[in-house]
Amino acid sequence: MKNRLEELRKERGIRQEELAASLEVSRQTIGSLENGRYNPSILLAFKIARYFGLAIEDIFIYEEESK
C-alpha cells in the first residue's frame, strides 16, 4: 500500500520525531511507514488521518493486485 505520509509531513515542516511523539509511536515506525515497509493498523491509520485533518483515503492509497 502506498501512502503520502512523507509528502504531507514535509509540506507541513514536521520532523519524523515530532509526528511519532504526537501519534505515540517510534520514529522508526514513521520511517517504515514512509518507506512502505510497514502498513499501519486501522487505529494508527485513523490517528494519522486525524492528525493531518484528512480522510484515510487521502493519505493511504490502496492498489488491488491484478489477478
Protein backbone atom coordinates (compact mmCIF):
# COMPACT_ATOMS: atom_id res chain seq x y z
CA MET A 1 0.00 0.00 0.00
CA LYS A 2 1.38 3.38 -0.98
CA ASN A 3 0.99 6.48 1.14
CA ARG A 4 1.56 10.24 1.11
CA LEU A 5 2.82 10.42 4.69
CA GLU A 6 6.31 11.74 3.92
CA GLU A 7 4.95 14.28 1.43
CA LEU A 8 2.36 15.58 3.92
CA ARG A 9 4.83 15.67 6.79
CA LYS A 10 7.43 17.61 4.79
CA GLU A 11 4.81 20.04 3.39
CA ARG A 12 3.96 20.99 6.95
CA GLY A 13 7.54 21.13 8.19
CA ILE A 14 7.09 18.30 10.71
CA ARG A 15 10.04 16.10 11.69
CA GLN A 16 9.61 12.33 11.97
CA GLU A 17 10.30 12.61 15.70
CA GLU A 18 7.52 15.18 16.19
CA LEU A 19 4.99 13.11 14.28
CA ALA A 20 5.99 9.95 16.13
CA ALA A 21 5.57 11.68 19.50
CA SER A 22 2.13 13.01 18.55
CA LEU A 23 0.99 9.56 17.40
CA GLU A 24 2.66 7.74 20.32
CA VAL A 25 4.80 5.53 18.07
CA SER A 26 8.55 5.34 17.45
CA ARG A 27 10.40 7.38 14.85
CA GLN A 28 11.34 4.05 13.27
CA THR A 29 7.63 3.29 12.78
CA ILE A 30 7.17 6.57 10.91
CA GLY A 31 10.22 5.82 8.75
CA SER A 32 8.94 2.33 7.98
CA LEU A 33 5.51 3.68 7.04
CA GLU A 34 7.04 6.30 4.74
CA ASN A 35 9.24 3.71 3.04
CA GLY A 36 6.36 1.28 2.53
CA ARG A 37 7.92 -1.42 4.71
CA TYR A 38 5.02 -1.34 7.13
CA ASN A 39 1.27 -0.86 6.79
CA PRO A 40 -0.44 0.79 9.75
CA SER A 41 -3.09 -0.78 11.90
CA ILE A 42 -6.54 0.68 11.27
CA LEU A 43 -6.25 2.53 14.59
CA LEU A 44 -2.93 4.11 13.61
CA ALA A 45 -4.30 4.99 10.16
CA PHE A 46 -7.20 6.84 11.84
CA LYS A 47 -4.79 8.65 14.19
CA ILE A 48 -2.64 9.76 11.25
CA ALA A 49 -5.66 10.92 9.27
CA ARG A 50 -7.00 12.87 12.26
CA TYR A 51 -3.57 14.42 12.87
CA PHE A 52 -3.44 15.78 9.31
CA GLY A 53 -7.17 16.60 9.16
CA LEU A 54 -7.65 14.34 6.15
CA ALA A 55 -9.53 11.18 5.25
CA ILE A 56 -7.59 7.93 5.44
CA GLU A 57 -8.03 7.54 1.67
CA ASP A 58 -6.30 10.91 1.14
CA ILE A 59 -3.15 9.56 2.83
CA PHE A 60 -3.10 5.84 2.09
CA ILE A 61 -3.54 4.56 -1.45
CA TYR A 62 -4.76 1.01 -1.73
CA GLU A 63 -3.93 -0.68 -5.01
CA GLU A 64 -5.56 -4.01 -5.72
CA GLU A 65 -3.26 -6.64 -7.09
CA SER A 66 -4.26 -7.83 -10.54
CA LYS A 67 -5.38 -11.43 -10.63
